[in-house]
Amino acid sequence: MLLGNKTDLIIYLKPARALADSIVKKFGLMGYYEISSLKSKNIEPTLKAMADFILKNHYPNLTKSS
């Protein structure tokens, strides 16, 4: 997983996305997520995606509790 922080600095987003996409492809990462700790943007969905990935890939026999 590659995280891009400071998404509140809009002028840097387009170049950062292009670079991030190439890094994700080059290293076979699970994806690129943009977050802003200043505005608390996308923090929870990013952590959920990370947890889901870990559970799926490292604990495949673990089942969710209802």
PDB file of N, CA and C in Angstrom:
ATOM      1  N   MET A   1       0.848  -1.164   0.000  1.00  0.00           N
ATOM      2  CA  MET A   1       0.000   0.000   0.000  1.00  0.00           C
ATOM      3  C   MET A   1       0.898   1.233   0.000  1.00  0.00           C
ATOM      4  N   LEU A   2       0.530   2.161  -0.863  1.00  0.00           N
ATOM      5  CA  LEU A   2       1.246   3.427  -0.920  1.00  0.00           C
ATOM      6  C   LEU A   2       0.282   4.511  -0.476  1.00  0.00           C
ATOM      7  N   LEU A   3       0.692   5.321   0.485  1.00  0.00           N
ATOM      8  CA  LEU A   3      -0.145   6.402   0.994  1.00  0.00           C
ATOM      9  C   LEU A   3       0.399   7.744   0.547  1.00  0.00           C
ATOM     10  N   GLY A   4      -0.508   8.578   0.075  1.00  0.00           N
ATOM     11  CA  GLY A   4      -0.165   9.950  -0.262  1.00  0.00           C
ATOM     12  C   GLY A   4      -0.839  10.865   0.736  1.00  0.00           C
ATOM     13  N   ASN A   5      -0.059  11.579   1.520  1.00  0.00           N
ATOM     14  CA  ASN A   5      -0.603  12.479   2.530  1.00  0.00           C
ATOM     15  C   ASN A   5      -0.596  13.900   1.980  1.00  0.00           C
ATOM     16  N   LYS A   6      -1.196  14.786   2.694  1.00  0.00           N
ATOM     17  CA  LYS A   6      -1.252  16.208   2.336  1.00  0.00           C
ATOM     18  C   LYS A   6      -2.120  16.453   1.104  1.00  0.00           C
ATOM     19  N   THR A   7      -3.231  15.722   0.980  1.00  0.00           N
ATOM     20  CA  THR A   7      -4.102  15.918  -0.175  1.00  0.00           C
ATOM     21  C   THR A   7      -4.795  17.275  -0.164  1.00  0.00           C
ATOM     22  N   ASP A   8      -4.656  18.008   0.927  1.00  0.00           N
ATOM     23  CA  ASP A   8      -5.205  19.356   0.981  1.00  0.00           C
ATOM     24  C   ASP A   8      -4.355  20.325   0.147  1.00  0.00           C
ATOM     25  N   LEU A   9      -3.154  19.914  -0.248  1.00  0.00           N
ATOM     26  CA  LEU A   9      -2.295  20.741  -1.113  1.00  0.00           C
ATOM     27  C   LEU A   9      -2.563  20.361  -2.573  1.00  0.00           C
ATOM     28  N   ILE A  10      -3.650  20.866  -3.110  1.00  0.00           N
ATOM     29  CA  ILE A  10      -4.205  20.442  -4.386  1.00  0.00           C
ATOM     30  C   ILE A  10      -3.224  20.590  -5.553  1.00  0.00           C
ATOM     31  N   ILE A  11      -2.378  21.575  -5.555  1.00  0.00           N
ATOM     32  CA  ILE A  11      -1.494  21.806  -6.706  1.00  0.00           C
ATOM     33  C   ILE A  11      -0.521  20.650  -6.942  1.00  0.00           C
ATOM     34  N   TYR A  12      -0.279  19.841  -5.927  1.00  0.00           N
ATOM     35  CA  TYR A  12       0.672  18.738  -6.074  1.00  0.00           C
ATOM     36  C   TYR A  12      -0.001  17.402  -6.394  1.00  0.00           C
ATOM     37  N   LEU A  13      -1.325  17.348  -6.396  1.00  0.00           N
ATOM     38  CA  LEU A  13      -2.017  16.070  -6.526  1.00  0.00           C
ATOM     39  C   LEU A  13      -1.803  15.388  -7.870  1.00  0.00           C
ATOM     40  N   LYS A  14      -1.950  16.111  -8.969  1.00  0.00           N
ATOM     41  CA  LYS A  14      -1.850  15.482 -10.286  1.00  0.00           C
ATOM     42  C   LYS A  14      -0.477  14.837 -10.513  1.00  0.00           C
ATOM     43  N   PRO A  15       0.629  15.545 -10.289  1.00  0.00           N
ATOM     44  CA  PRO A  15       1.932  14.896 -10.466  1.00  0.00           C
ATOM     45  C   PRO A  15       2.144  13.731  -9.494  1.00  0.00           C
ATOM     46  N   ALA A  16       1.639  13.866  -8.269  1.00  0.00           N
ATOM     47  CA  ALA A  16       1.809  12.810  -7.275  1.00  0.00           C
ATOM     48  C   ALA A  16       1.044  11.560  -7.688  1.00  0.00           C
ATOM     49  N   ARG A  17      -0.150  11.714  -8.236  1.00  0.00           N
ATOM     50  CA  ARG A  17      -0.951  10.560  -8.673  1.00  0.00           C
ATOM     51  C   ARG A  17      -0.244   9.799  -9.787  1.00  0.00           C
ATOM     52  N   ALA A  18       0.326  10.506 -10.737  1.00  0.00           N
ATOM     53  CA  ALA A  18       1.026   9.843 -11.842  1.00  0.00           C
ATOM     54  C   ALA A  18       2.228   9.052 -11.322  1.00  0.00           C
ATOM     55  N   LEU A  19       2.996   9.644 -10.452  1.00  0.00           N
ATOM     56  CA  LEU A  19       4.145   8.966  -9.869  1.00  0.00           C
ATOM     57  C   LEU A  19       3.693   7.783  -9.018  1.00  0.00           C
ATOM     58  N   ALA A  20       2.658   7.985  -8.222  1.00  0.00           N
ATOM     59  CA  ALA A  20       2.148   6.922  -7.353  1.00  0.00           C
ATOM     60  C   ALA A  20       1.671   5.731  -8.167  1.00  0.00           C
ATOM     61  N   ASP A  21       0.954   5.979  -9.252  1.00  0.00           N
ATOM     62  CA  ASP A  21       0.477   4.881 -10.101  1.00  0.00           C
ATOM     63  C   ASP A  21       1.633   4.064 -10.651  1.00  0.00           C
ATOM     64  N   SER A  22       2.700   4.727 -11.065  1.00  0.00           N
ATOM     65  CA  SER A  22       3.853   3.997 -11.598  1.00  0.00           C
ATOM     66  C   SER A  22       4.560   3.195 -10.507  1.00  0.00           C
ATOM     67  N   ILE A  23       4.637   3.722  -9.306  1.00  0.00           N
ATOM     68  CA  ILE A  23       5.258   3.000  -8.189  1.00  0.00           C
ATOM     69  C   ILE A  23       4.433   1.784  -7.805  1.00  0.00           C
ATOM     70  N   VAL A  24       3.113   1.950  -7.759  1.00  0.00           N
ATOM     71  CA  VAL A  24       2.226   0.830  -7.428  1.00  0.00           C
ATOM     72  C   VAL A  24       2.406  -0.303  -8.436  1.00  0.00           C
ATOM     73  N   LYS A  25       2.443   0.036  -9.711  1.00  0.00           N
ATOM     74  CA  LYS A  25       2.622  -0.985 -10.758  1.00  0.00           C
ATOM     75  C   LYS A  25       4.005  -1.623 -10.679  1.00  0.00           C
ATOM     76  N   LYS A  26       5.034  -0.815 -10.510  1.00  0.00           N
ATOM     77  CA  LYS A  26       6.405  -1.317 -10.494  1.00  0.00           C
ATOM     78  C   LYS A  26       6.644  -2.313  -9.361  1.00  0.00           C
ATOM     79  N   PHE A  27       6.098  -2.032  -8.189  1.00  0.00           N
ATOM     80  CA  PHE A  27       6.369  -2.869  -7.026  1.00  0.00           C
ATOM     81  C   PHE A  27       5.218  -3.809  -6.667  1.00  0.00           C
ATOM     82  N   GLY A  28       4.152  -3.804  -7.467  1.00  0.00           N
ATOM     83  CA  GLY A  28       3.033  -4.701  -7.230  1.00  0.00           C
ATOM     84  C   GLY A  28       2.320  -4.448  -5.915  1.00  0.00           C
ATOM     85  N   LEU A  29       2.159  -3.190  -5.575  1.00  0.00           N
ATOM     86  CA  LEU A  29       1.503  -2.839  -4.320  1.00  0.00           C
ATOM     87  C   LEU A  29      -0.012  -2.988  -4.436  1.00  0.00           C
ATOM     88  N   MET A  30      -0.695  -3.030  -3.305  1.00  0.00           N
ATOM     89  CA  MET A  30      -2.139  -3.234  -3.302  1.00  0.00           C
ATOM     90  C   MET A  30      -2.918  -2.018  -3.764  1.00  0.00           C
ATOM     91  N   GLY A  31      -2.279  -0.876  -3.833  1.00  0.00           N
ATOM     92  CA  GLY A  31      -2.960   0.312  -4.315  1.00  0.00           C
ATOM     93  C   GLY A  31      -2.384   1.587  -3.743  1.00  0.00           C
ATOM     94  N   TYR A  32      -2.930   2.679  -4.219  1.00  0.00           N
ATOM     95  CA  TYR A  32      -2.520   4.015  -3.799  1.00  0.00           C
ATOM     96  C   TYR A  32      -3.713   4.692  -3.149  1.00  0.00           C
ATOM     97  N   TYR A  33      -3.521   5.225  -1.972  1.00  0.00           N
ATOM     98  CA  TYR A  33      -4.589   5.876  -1.228  1.00  0.00           C
ATOM     99  C   TYR A  33      -4.143   7.280  -0.855  1.00  0.00           C
ATOM    100  N   GLU A  34      -5.009   8.243  -1.123  1.00  0.00           N
ATOM    101  CA  GLU A  34      -4.715   9.621  -0.756  1.00  0.00           C
ATOM    102  C   GLU A  34      -5.419   9.940   0.557  1.00  0.00           C
ATOM    103  N   ILE A  35      -4.660  10.493   1.482  1.00  0.00           N
ATOM    104  CA  ILE A  35      -5.214  10.831   2.790  1.00  0.00           C
ATOM    105  C   ILE A  35      -4.816  12.260   3.151  1.00  0.00           C
ATOM    106  N   SER A  36      -5.538  12.812   4.096  1.00  0.00           N
ATOM    107  CA  SER A  36      -5.160  14.100   4.672  1.00  0.00           C
ATOM    108  C   SER A  36      -5.321  13.990   6.173  1.00  0.00           C
ATOM    109  N   SER A  37      -4.213  13.974   6.868  1.00  0.00           N
ATOM    110  CA  SER A  37      -4.302  13.915   8.330  1.00  0.00           C
ATOM    111  C   SER A  37      -4.809  15.243   8.879  1.00  0.00           C
ATOM    112  N   LEU A  38      -4.557  16.334   8.178  1.00  0.00           N
ATOM    113  CA  LEU A  38      -5.031  17.647   8.614  1.00  0.00           C
ATOM    114  C   LEU A  38      -6.557  17.694   8.623  1.00  0.00           C
ATOM    115  N   LYS A  39      -7.170  17.157   7.566  1.00  0.00           N
ATOM    116  CA  LYS A  39      -8.628  17.197   7.438  1.00  0.00           C
ATOM    117  C   LYS A  39      -9.284  15.857   7.759  1.00  0.00           C
ATOM    118  N   SER A  40      -8.501  14.899   8.205  1.00  0.00           N
ATOM    119  CA  SER A  40      -8.992  13.542   8.503  1.00  0.00           C
ATOM    120  C   SER A  40      -9.728  12.932   7.315  1.00  0.00           C
ATOM    121  N   LYS A  41      -9.189  13.117   6.138  1.00  0.00           N
ATOM    122  CA  LYS A  41      -9.801  12.627   4.905  1.00  0.00           C
ATOM    123  C   LYS A  41      -9.264  11.241   4.557  1.00  0.00           C
ATOM    124  N   ASN A  42     -10.160  10.294   4.345  1.00  0.00           N
ATOM    125  CA  ASN A  42      -9.849   8.934   3.890  1.00  0.00           C
ATOM    126  C   ASN A  42      -9.012   8.112   4.864  1.00  0.00           C
ATOM    127  N   ILE A  43      -8.892   8.518   6.097  1.00  0.00           N
ATOM    128  CA  ILE A  43      -8.107   7.762   7.072  1.00  0.00           C
ATOM    129  C   ILE A  43      -8.784   6.418   7.366  1.00  0.00           C
ATOM    130  N   GLU A  44     -10.048   6.453   7.737  1.00  0.00           N
ATOM    131  CA  GLU A  44     -10.754   5.227   8.111  1.00  0.00           C
ATOM    132  C   GLU A  44     -10.879   4.244   6.947  1.00  0.00           C
ATOM    133  N   PRO A  45     -11.300   4.676   5.736  1.00  0.00           N
ATOM    134  CA  PRO A  45     -11.374   3.715   4.625  1.00  0.00           C
ATOM    135  C   PRO A  45     -10.020   3.104   4.263  1.00  0.00           C
ATOM    136  N   THR A  46      -8.966   3.885   4.406  1.00  0.00           N
ATOM    137  CA  THR A  46      -7.625   3.378   4.108  1.00  0.00           C
ATOM    138  C   THR A  46      -7.210   2.310   5.117  1.00  0.00           C
ATOM    139  N   LEU A  47      -7.454   2.562   6.391  1.00  0.00           N
ATOM    140  CA  LEU A  47      -7.122   1.569   7.416  1.00  0.00           C
ATOM    141  C   LEU A  47      -7.974   0.311   7.259  1.00  0.00           C
ATOM    142  N   LYS A  48      -9.236   0.473   6.876  1.00  0.00           N
ATOM    143  CA  LYS A  48     -10.101  -0.680   6.646  1.00  0.00           C
ATOM    144  C   LYS A  48      -9.587  -1.509   5.471  1.00  0.00           C
ATOM    145  N   ALA A  49      -9.185  -0.848   4.384  1.00  0.00           N
ATOM    146  CA  ALA A  49      -8.649  -1.561   3.222  1.00  0.00           C
ATOM    147  C   ALA A  49      -7.390  -2.338   3.602  1.00  0.00           C
ATOM    148  N   MET A  50      -6.538  -1.738   4.422  1.00  0.00           N
ATOM    149  CA  MET A  50      -5.318  -2.400   4.868  1.00  0.00           C
ATOM    150  C   MET A  50      -5.650  -3.627   5.719  1.00  0.00           C
ATOM    151  N   ALA A  51      -6.574  -3.466   6.653  1.00  0.00           N
ATOM    152  CA  ALA A  51      -6.964  -4.581   7.515  1.00  0.00           C
ATOM    153  C   ALA A  51      -7.599  -5.705   6.705  1.00  0.00           C
ATOM    154  N   ASP A  52      -8.478  -5.359   5.769  1.00  0.00           N
ATOM    155  CA  ASP A  52      -9.108  -6.372   4.918  1.00  0.00           C
ATOM    156  C   ASP A  52      -8.066  -7.141   4.109  1.00  0.00           C
ATOM    157  N   PHE A  53      -7.096  -6.420   3.568  1.00  0.00           N
ATOM    158  CA  PHE A  53      -6.036  -7.053   2.785  1.00  0.00           C
ATOM    159  C   PHE A  53      -5.231  -8.028   3.649  1.00  0.00           C
ATOM    160  N   ILE A  54      -4.858  -7.600   4.844  1.00  0.00           N
ATOM    161  CA  ILE A  54      -4.072  -8.454   5.742  1.00  0.00           C
ATOM    162  C   ILE A  54      -4.868  -9.693   6.121  1.00  0.00           C
ATOM    163  N   LEU A  55      -6.121  -9.511   6.484  1.00  0.00           N
ATOM    164  CA  LEU A  55      -6.947 -10.662   6.862  1.00  0.00           C
ATOM    165  C   LEU A  55      -7.111 -11.635   5.700  1.00  0.00           C
ATOM    166  N   LYS A  56      -7.386 -11.104   4.519  1.00  0.00           N
ATOM    167  CA  LYS A  56      -7.610 -11.956   3.348  1.00  0.00           C
ATOM    168  C   LYS A  56      -6.356 -12.717   2.947  1.00  0.00           C
ATOM    169  N   ASN A  57      -5.209 -12.060   3.005  1.00  0.00           N
ATOM    170  CA  ASN A  57      -3.975 -12.662   2.499  1.00  0.00           C
ATOM    171  C   ASN A  57      -3.153 -13.423   3.529  1.00  0.00           C
ATOM    172  N   HIS A  58      -3.350 -13.135   4.797  1.00  0.00           N
ATOM    173  CA  HIS A  58      -2.549 -13.803   5.824  1.00  0.00           C
ATOM    174  C   HIS A  58      -3.362 -14.697   6.751  1.00  0.00           C
ATOM    175  N   TYR A  59      -4.667 -14.487   6.736  1.00  0.00           N
ATOM    176  CA  TYR A  59      -5.554 -15.299   7.584  1.00  0.00           C
ATOM    177  C   TYR A  59      -6.796 -15.709   6.787  1.00  0.00           C
ATOM    178  N   PRO A  60      -6.612 -16.433   5.677  1.00  0.00           N
ATOM    179  CA  PRO A  60      -7.754 -16.739   4.800  1.00  0.00           C
ATOM    180  C   PRO A  60      -8.828 -17.602   5.451  1.00  0.00           C
ATOM    181  N   ASN A  61      -8.495 -18.363   6.482  1.00  0.00           N
ATOM    182  CA  ASN A  61      -9.483 -19.222   7.117  1.00  0.00           C
ATOM    183  C   ASN A  61     -10.276 -18.528   8.217  1.00  0.00           C
ATOM    184  N   LEU A  62      -9.915 -17.310   8.514  1.00  0.00           N
ATOM    185  CA  LEU A  62     -10.602 -16.544   9.539  1.00  0.00           C
ATOM    186  C   LEU A  62     -11.946 -16.080   8.984  1.00  0.00           C
ATOM    187  N   THR A  63     -13.006 -16.280   9.737  1.00  0.00           N
ATOM    188  CA  THR A  63     -14.323 -15.857   9.274  1.00  0.00           C
ATOM    189  C   THR A  63     -14.801 -14.681  10.109  1.00  0.00           C
ATOM    190  N   LYS A  64     -15.641 -13.867   9.510  1.00  0.00           N
ATOM    191  CA  LYS A  64     -16.207 -12.722  10.217  1.00  0.00           C
ATOM    192  C   LYS A  64     -17.258 -13.181  11.201  1.00  0.00           C
ATOM    193  N   SER A  65     -17.322 -12.539  12.337  1.00  0.00           N
ATOM    194  CA  SER A  65     -18.388 -12.789  13.299  1.00  0.00           C
ATOM    195  C   SER A  65     -19.580 -11.933  12.943  1.00  0.00           C
ATOM    196  N   SER A  66     -20.759 -12.479  13.096  1.00  0.00           N
ATOM    197  CA  SER A  66     -21.970 -11.714  12.785  1.00  0.00           C
ATOM    198  C   SER A  66     -22.352 -10.834  13.948  1.00  0.00           C
TER     199      SER A  66
END
